[in-house]
């Protein structure tokens, strides 16, 4: 059982790290274009980023530490 949770933690940590890095690379995430398309709803981009980047990384790290 520990192996399953630690494997899931590793996958979540890698995906969270990849999303975090991809968000800050200008050519992968064109924030000016997103700002033009979304207008006043642009702050939603940061909510989605936090939910899918750093929080996945944090959850994965917690699972890895807990079930190693």
PDB file of N, CA and C in Angstrom:
ATOM      1  N   UNK A   1       0.822  -1.203   0.000  1.00  0.00           N
ATOM      2  CA  UNK A   1       0.000   0.000   0.000  1.00  0.00           C
ATOM      3  C   UNK A   1       0.865   1.266   0.000  1.00  0.00           C
ATOM      4  N   UNK A   2       1.971   1.219   0.715  1.00  0.00           N
ATOM      5  CA  UNK A   2       2.848   2.387   0.745  1.00  0.00           C
ATOM      6  C   UNK A   2       3.441   2.678  -0.621  1.00  0.00           C
ATOM      7  N   UNK A   3       3.687   1.664  -1.387  1.00  0.00           N
ATOM      8  CA  UNK A   3       4.283   1.856  -2.700  1.00  0.00           C
ATOM      9  C   UNK A   3       3.328   2.585  -3.641  1.00  0.00           C
ATOM     10  N   UNK A   4       2.052   2.280  -3.550  1.00  0.00           N
ATOM     11  CA  UNK A   4       1.066   2.930  -4.409  1.00  0.00           C
ATOM     12  C   UNK A   4       0.994   4.422  -4.095  1.00  0.00           C
ATOM     13  N   UNK A   5       0.894   4.755  -2.791  1.00  0.00           N
ATOM     14  CA  UNK A   5       0.791   6.159  -2.417  1.00  0.00           C
ATOM     15  C   UNK A   5       2.074   6.927  -2.706  1.00  0.00           C
ATOM     16  N   UNK A   6       3.205   6.308  -2.515  1.00  0.00           N
ATOM     17  CA  UNK A   6       4.452   7.004  -2.831  1.00  0.00           C
ATOM     18  C   UNK A   6       4.610   7.175  -4.339  1.00  0.00           C
ATOM     19  N   UNK A   7       4.131   6.220  -5.123  1.00  0.00           N
ATOM     20  CA  UNK A   7       4.172   6.359  -6.587  1.00  0.00           C
ATOM     21  C   UNK A   7       3.244   7.483  -7.045  1.00  0.00           C
ATOM     22  N   UNK A   8       2.059   7.535  -6.465  1.00  0.00           N
ATOM     23  CA  UNK A   8       1.119   8.614  -6.795  1.00  0.00           C
ATOM     24  C   UNK A   8       1.709   9.961  -6.384  1.00  0.00           C
ATOM     25  N   UNK A   9       2.353   9.999  -5.230  1.00  0.00           N
ATOM     26  CA  UNK A   9       2.996  11.232  -4.770  1.00  0.00           C
ATOM     27  C   UNK A   9       4.081  11.691  -5.717  1.00  0.00           C
ATOM     28  N   UNK A  10       4.867  10.748  -6.215  1.00  0.00           N
ATOM     29  CA  UNK A  10       5.925  11.089  -7.162  1.00  0.00           C
ATOM     30  C   UNK A  10       5.346  11.652  -8.458  1.00  0.00           C
ATOM     31  N   UNK A  11       4.303  11.027  -8.961  1.00  0.00           N
ATOM     32  CA  UNK A  11       3.658  11.496 -10.197  1.00  0.00           C
ATOM     33  C   UNK A  11       3.074  12.894  -9.988  1.00  0.00           C
ATOM     34  N   UNK A  12       2.381  13.103  -8.865  1.00  0.00           N
ATOM     35  CA  UNK A  12       1.796  14.423  -8.595  1.00  0.00           C
ATOM     36  C   UNK A  12       2.874  15.489  -8.460  1.00  0.00           C
ATOM     37  N   UNK A  13       3.971  15.154  -7.800  1.00  0.00           N
ATOM     38  CA  UNK A  13       5.057  16.113  -7.644  1.00  0.00           C
ATOM     39  C   UNK A  13       5.674  16.479  -8.992  1.00  0.00           C
ATOM     40  N   UNK A  14       5.861  15.502  -9.854  1.00  0.00           N
ATOM     41  CA  UNK A  14       6.440  15.775 -11.176  1.00  0.00           C
ATOM     42  C   UNK A  14       5.495  16.613 -12.023  1.00  0.00           C
ATOM     43  N   UNK A  15       4.217  16.271 -12.009  1.00  0.00           N
ATOM     44  CA  UNK A  15       3.231  17.043 -12.787  1.00  0.00           C
ATOM     45  C   UNK A  15       3.123  18.469 -12.249  1.00  0.00           C
ATOM     46  N   UNK A  16       3.080  18.624 -10.932  1.00  0.00           N
ATOM     47  CA  UNK A  16       3.013  19.959 -10.336  1.00  0.00           C
ATOM     48  C   UNK A  16       4.231  20.797 -10.670  1.00  0.00           C
ATOM     49  N   UNK A  17       5.405  20.173 -10.643  1.00  0.00           N
ATOM     50  CA  UNK A  17       6.621  20.889 -10.999  1.00  0.00           C
ATOM     51  C   UNK A  17       6.620  21.281 -12.469  1.00  0.00           C
ATOM     52  N   UNK A  18       6.173  20.381 -13.327  1.00  0.00           N
ATOM     53  CA  UNK A  18       6.125  20.673 -14.767  1.00  0.00           C
ATOM     54  C   UNK A  18       5.165  21.826 -15.062  1.00  0.00           C
ATOM     55  N   UNK A  19       4.018  21.829 -14.420  1.00  0.00           N
ATOM     56  CA  UNK A  19       3.051  22.912 -14.630  1.00  0.00           C
ATOM     57  C   UNK A  19       3.611  24.228 -14.109  1.00  0.00           C
ATOM     58  N   UNK A  20       4.264  24.188 -12.952  1.00  0.00           N
ATOM     59  CA  UNK A  20       4.846  25.406 -12.390  1.00  0.00           C
ATOM     60  C   UNK A  20       5.916  25.990 -13.310  1.00  0.00           C
ATOM     61  N   UNK A  21       6.778  25.142 -13.814  1.00  0.00           N
ATOM     62  CA  UNK A  21       7.843  25.612 -14.708  1.00  0.00           C
ATOM     63  C   UNK A  21       7.253  26.119 -16.020  1.00  0.00           C
ATOM     64  N   UNK A  22       6.290  25.388 -16.565  1.00  0.00           N
ATOM     65  CA  UNK A  22       5.691  25.778 -17.847  1.00  0.00           C
ATOM     66  C   UNK A  22       4.967  27.121 -17.752  1.00  0.00           C
ATOM     67  N   UNK A  23       4.396  27.413 -16.606  1.00  0.00           N
ATOM     68  CA  UNK A  23       3.662  28.668 -16.453  1.00  0.00           C
ATOM     69  C   UNK A  23       4.602  29.869 -16.511  1.00  0.00           C
ATOM     70  N   UNK A  24       5.825  29.714 -16.052  1.00  0.00           N
ATOM     71  CA  UNK A  24       6.736  30.850 -15.995  1.00  0.00           C
ATOM     72  C   UNK A  24       7.645  30.967 -17.207  1.00  0.00           C
ATOM     73  N   UNK A  25       7.561  30.027 -18.160  1.00  0.00           N
ATOM     74  CA  UNK A  25       8.329  30.149 -19.405  1.00  0.00           C
ATOM     75  C   UNK A  25       7.472  30.951 -20.386  1.00  0.00           C
ATOM     76  N   UNK A  26       7.954  32.116 -20.810  1.00  0.00           N
ATOM     77  CA  UNK A  26       7.116  33.026 -21.619  1.00  0.00           C
ATOM     78  C   UNK A  26       6.565  32.422 -22.901  1.00  0.00           C
ATOM     79  N   UNK A  27       7.312  31.598 -23.596  1.00  0.00           N
ATOM     80  CA  UNK A  27       6.820  31.075 -24.876  1.00  0.00           C
ATOM     81  C   UNK A  27       5.770  29.986 -24.700  1.00  0.00           C
ATOM     82  N   UNK A  28       5.794  29.278 -23.587  1.00  0.00           N
ATOM     83  CA  UNK A  28       4.803  28.225 -23.366  1.00  0.00           C
ATOM     84  C   UNK A  28       3.467  28.789 -22.900  1.00  0.00           C
ATOM     85  N   UNK A  29       3.526  29.779 -22.058  1.00  0.00           N
ATOM     86  CA  UNK A  29       2.298  30.397 -21.549  1.00  0.00           C
ATOM     87  C   UNK A  29       2.343  31.880 -21.885  1.00  0.00           C
ATOM     88  N   UNK A  30       1.637  32.277 -22.909  1.00  0.00           N
ATOM     89  CA  UNK A  30       1.622  33.662 -23.358  1.00  0.00           C
ATOM     90  C   UNK A  30       0.603  34.433 -22.519  1.00  0.00           C
ATOM     91  N   UNK A  31       1.080  34.995 -21.417  1.00  0.00           N
ATOM     92  CA  UNK A  31       0.171  35.668 -20.485  1.00  0.00           C
ATOM     93  C   UNK A  31      -0.440  36.938 -21.049  1.00  0.00           C
ATOM     94  N   UNK A  32       0.270  37.617 -21.942  1.00  0.00           N
ATOM     95  CA  UNK A  32      -0.319  38.818 -22.535  1.00  0.00           C
ATOM     96  C   UNK A  32      -1.513  38.446 -23.412  1.00  0.00           C
ATOM     97  N   UNK A  33      -1.376  37.359 -24.130  1.00  0.00           N
ATOM     98  CA  UNK A  33      -2.502  36.881 -24.972  1.00  0.00           C
ATOM     99  C   UNK A  33      -3.662  36.433 -24.092  1.00  0.00           C
ATOM    100  N   UNK A  34      -3.370  35.731 -22.995  1.00  0.00           N
ATOM    101  CA  UNK A  34      -4.426  35.334 -22.062  1.00  0.00           C
ATOM    102  C   UNK A  34      -5.125  36.543 -21.466  1.00  0.00           C
ATOM    103  N   UNK A  35      -4.345  37.574 -21.140  1.00  0.00           N
ATOM    104  CA  UNK A  35      -4.927  38.793 -20.572  1.00  0.00           C
ATOM    105  C   UNK A  35      -5.867  39.456 -21.578  1.00  0.00           C
ATOM    106  N   UNK A  36      -5.484  39.436 -22.862  1.00  0.00           N
ATOM    107  CA  UNK A  36      -6.346  40.005 -23.911  1.00  0.00           C
ATOM    108  C   UNK A  36      -7.639  39.199 -24.047  1.00  0.00           C
ATOM    109  N   UNK A  37      -7.522  37.867 -24.022  1.00  0.00           N
ATOM    110  CA  UNK A  37      -8.694  37.010 -24.225  1.00  0.00           C
ATOM    111  C   UNK A  37      -9.647  37.041 -23.035  1.00  0.00           C
ATOM    112  N   UNK A  38      -9.110  37.043 -21.825  1.00  0.00           N
ATOM    113  CA  UNK A  38      -9.951  36.923 -20.633  1.00  0.00           C
ATOM    114  C   UNK A  38     -10.418  38.259 -20.074  1.00  0.00           C
ATOM    115  N   UNK A  39      -9.675  39.307 -20.328  1.00  0.00           N
ATOM    116  CA  UNK A  39     -10.071  40.621 -19.840  1.00  0.00           C
ATOM    117  C   UNK A  39     -10.105  40.681 -18.320  1.00  0.00           C
ATOM    118  N   UNK A  40     -11.256  41.022 -17.761  1.00  0.00           N
ATOM    119  CA  UNK A  40     -11.366  41.176 -16.311  1.00  0.00           C
ATOM    120  C   UNK A  40     -11.345  39.843 -15.573  1.00  0.00           C
ATOM    121  N   UNK A  41     -11.500  38.747 -16.292  1.00  0.00           N
ATOM    122  CA  UNK A  41     -11.453  37.423 -15.648  1.00  0.00           C
ATOM    123  C   UNK A  41     -10.044  36.854 -15.609  1.00  0.00           C
ATOM    124  N   UNK A  42      -9.040  37.645 -15.961  1.00  0.00           N
ATOM    125  CA  UNK A  42      -7.664  37.172 -16.005  1.00  0.00           C
ATOM    126  C   UNK A  42      -7.156  36.615 -14.672  1.00  0.00           C
ATOM    127  N   UNK A  43      -7.524  37.160 -13.509  1.00  0.00           N
ATOM    128  CA  UNK A  43      -7.042  36.578 -12.238  1.00  0.00           C
ATOM    129  C   UNK A  43      -7.422  35.109 -12.045  1.00  0.00           C
ATOM    130  N   UNK A  44      -8.396  34.621 -12.764  1.00  0.00           N
ATOM    131  CA  UNK A  44      -8.772  33.207 -12.686  1.00  0.00           C
ATOM    132  C   UNK A  44      -7.613  32.324 -13.152  1.00  0.00           C
ATOM    133  N   UNK A  45      -6.775  32.848 -14.053  1.00  0.00           N
ATOM    134  CA  UNK A  45      -5.617  32.101 -14.532  1.00  0.00           C
ATOM    135  C   UNK A  45      -4.705  31.753 -13.358  1.00  0.00           C
ATOM    136  N   UNK A  46      -4.521  32.684 -12.440  1.00  0.00           N
ATOM    137  CA  UNK A  46      -3.662  32.424 -11.290  1.00  0.00           C
ATOM    138  C   UNK A  46      -4.287  31.413 -10.331  1.00  0.00           C
ATOM    139  N   UNK A  47      -5.580  31.431 -10.185  1.00  0.00           N
ATOM    140  CA  UNK A  47      -6.261  30.442  -9.343  1.00  0.00           C
ATOM    141  C   UNK A  47      -6.064  29.043  -9.924  1.00  0.00           C
ATOM    142  N   UNK A  48      -6.242  28.909 -11.227  1.00  0.00           N
ATOM    143  CA  UNK A  48      -6.048  27.619 -11.888  1.00  0.00           C
ATOM    144  C   UNK A  48      -4.580  27.197 -11.793  1.00  0.00           C
ATOM    145  N   UNK A  49      -3.659  28.135 -11.964  1.00  0.00           N
ATOM    146  CA  UNK A  49      -2.235  27.822 -11.862  1.00  0.00           C
ATOM    147  C   UNK A  49      -1.890  27.310 -10.465  1.00  0.00           C
ATOM    148  N   UNK A  50      -2.344  27.997  -9.439  1.00  0.00           N
ATOM    149  CA  UNK A  50      -2.024  27.591  -8.066  1.00  0.00           C
ATOM    150  C   UNK A  50      -2.623  26.230  -7.759  1.00  0.00           C
ATOM    151  N   UNK A  51      -3.836  25.972  -8.233  1.00  0.00           N
ATOM    152  CA  UNK A  51      -4.475  24.683  -7.972  1.00  0.00           C
ATOM    153  C   UNK A  51      -3.767  23.547  -8.701  1.00  0.00           C
ATOM    154  N   UNK A  52      -3.215  23.802  -9.860  1.00  0.00           N
ATOM    155  CA  UNK A  52      -2.615  22.728 -10.648  1.00  0.00           C
ATOM    156  C   UNK A  52      -1.096  22.684 -10.594  1.00  0.00           C
ATOM    157  N   UNK A  53      -0.454  23.700 -10.123  1.00  0.00           N
ATOM    158  CA  UNK A  53       1.008  23.713 -10.061  1.00  0.00           C
ATOM    159  C   UNK A  53       1.519  23.456  -8.660  1.00  0.00           C
ATOM    160  N   UNK A  54       1.625  24.504  -7.873  1.00  0.00           N
ATOM    161  CA  UNK A  54       2.211  24.350  -6.539  1.00  0.00           C
ATOM    162  C   UNK A  54       1.423  23.433  -5.605  1.00  0.00           C
ATOM    163  N   UNK A  55       0.112  23.414  -5.697  1.00  0.00           N
ATOM    164  CA  UNK A  55      -0.642  22.546  -4.800  1.00  0.00           C
ATOM    165  C   UNK A  55      -0.459  21.070  -5.142  1.00  0.00           C
ATOM    166  N   UNK A  56      -0.367  20.736  -6.425  1.00  0.00           N
ATOM    167  CA  UNK A  56      -0.061  19.353  -6.790  1.00  0.00           C
ATOM    168  C   UNK A  56       1.340  18.969  -6.332  1.00  0.00           C
ATOM    169  N   UNK A  57       2.267  19.880  -6.475  1.00  0.00           N
ATOM    170  CA  UNK A  57       3.627  19.632  -6.018  1.00  0.00           C
ATOM    171  C   UNK A  57       3.649  19.419  -4.506  1.00  0.00           C
ATOM    172  N   UNK A  58       2.931  20.240  -3.770  1.00  0.00           N
ATOM    173  CA  UNK A  58       2.857  20.108  -2.316  1.00  0.00           C
ATOM    174  C   UNK A  58       2.197  18.800  -1.903  1.00  0.00           C
ATOM    175  N   UNK A  59       1.089  18.463  -2.543  1.00  0.00           N
ATOM    176  CA  UNK A  59       0.399  17.209  -2.235  1.00  0.00           C
ATOM    177  C   UNK A  59       1.288  16.009  -2.538  1.00  0.00           C
ATOM    178  N   UNK A  60       1.982  16.045  -3.654  1.00  0.00           N
ATOM    179  CA  UNK A  60       2.900  14.964  -3.999  1.00  0.00           C
ATOM    180  C   UNK A  60       4.032  14.834  -2.996  1.00  0.00           C
ATOM    181  N   UNK A  61       4.574  15.960  -2.555  1.00  0.00           N
ATOM    182  CA  UNK A  61       5.653  15.932  -1.565  1.00  0.00           C
ATOM    183  C   UNK A  61       5.159  15.375  -0.232  1.00  0.00           C
ATOM    184  N   UNK A  62       3.952  15.756   0.168  1.00  0.00           N
ATOM    185  CA  UNK A  62       3.379  15.233   1.414  1.00  0.00           C
ATOM    186  C   UNK A  62       3.199  13.724   1.324  1.00  0.00           C
ATOM    187  N   UNK A  63       2.678  13.237   0.199  1.00  0.00           N
ATOM    188  CA  UNK A  63       2.518  11.794   0.035  1.00  0.00           C
ATOM    189  C   UNK A  63       3.866  11.068   0.035  1.00  0.00           C
ATOM    190  N   UNK A  64       4.862  11.663  -0.615  1.00  0.00           N
ATOM    191  CA  UNK A  64       6.184  11.033  -0.639  1.00  0.00           C
ATOM    192  C   UNK A  64       6.807  10.969   0.763  1.00  0.00           C
ATOM    193  N   UNK A  65       6.670  12.038   1.516  1.00  0.00           N
ATOM    194  CA  UNK A  65       7.244  12.056   2.862  1.00  0.00           C
ATOM    195  C   UNK A  65       6.498  11.120   3.795  1.00  0.00           C
ATOM    196  N   UNK A  66       5.184  11.088   3.671  1.00  0.00           N
ATOM    197  CA  UNK A  66       4.371  10.275   4.561  1.00  0.00           C
ATOM    198  C   UNK A  66       4.521   8.777   4.290  1.00  0.00           C
ATOM    199  N   UNK A  67       4.566   8.390   3.033  1.00  0.00           N
ATOM    200  CA  UNK A  67       4.546   6.973   2.668  1.00  0.00           C
ATOM    201  C   UNK A  67       5.855   6.489   2.057  1.00  0.00           C
ATOM    202  N   UNK A  68       6.982   6.911   2.580  1.00  0.00           N
ATOM    203  CA  UNK A  68       8.234   6.411   1.985  1.00  0.00           C
ATOM    204  C   UNK A  68       8.659   5.111   2.551  1.00  0.00           C
TER     205      UNK A  68
END
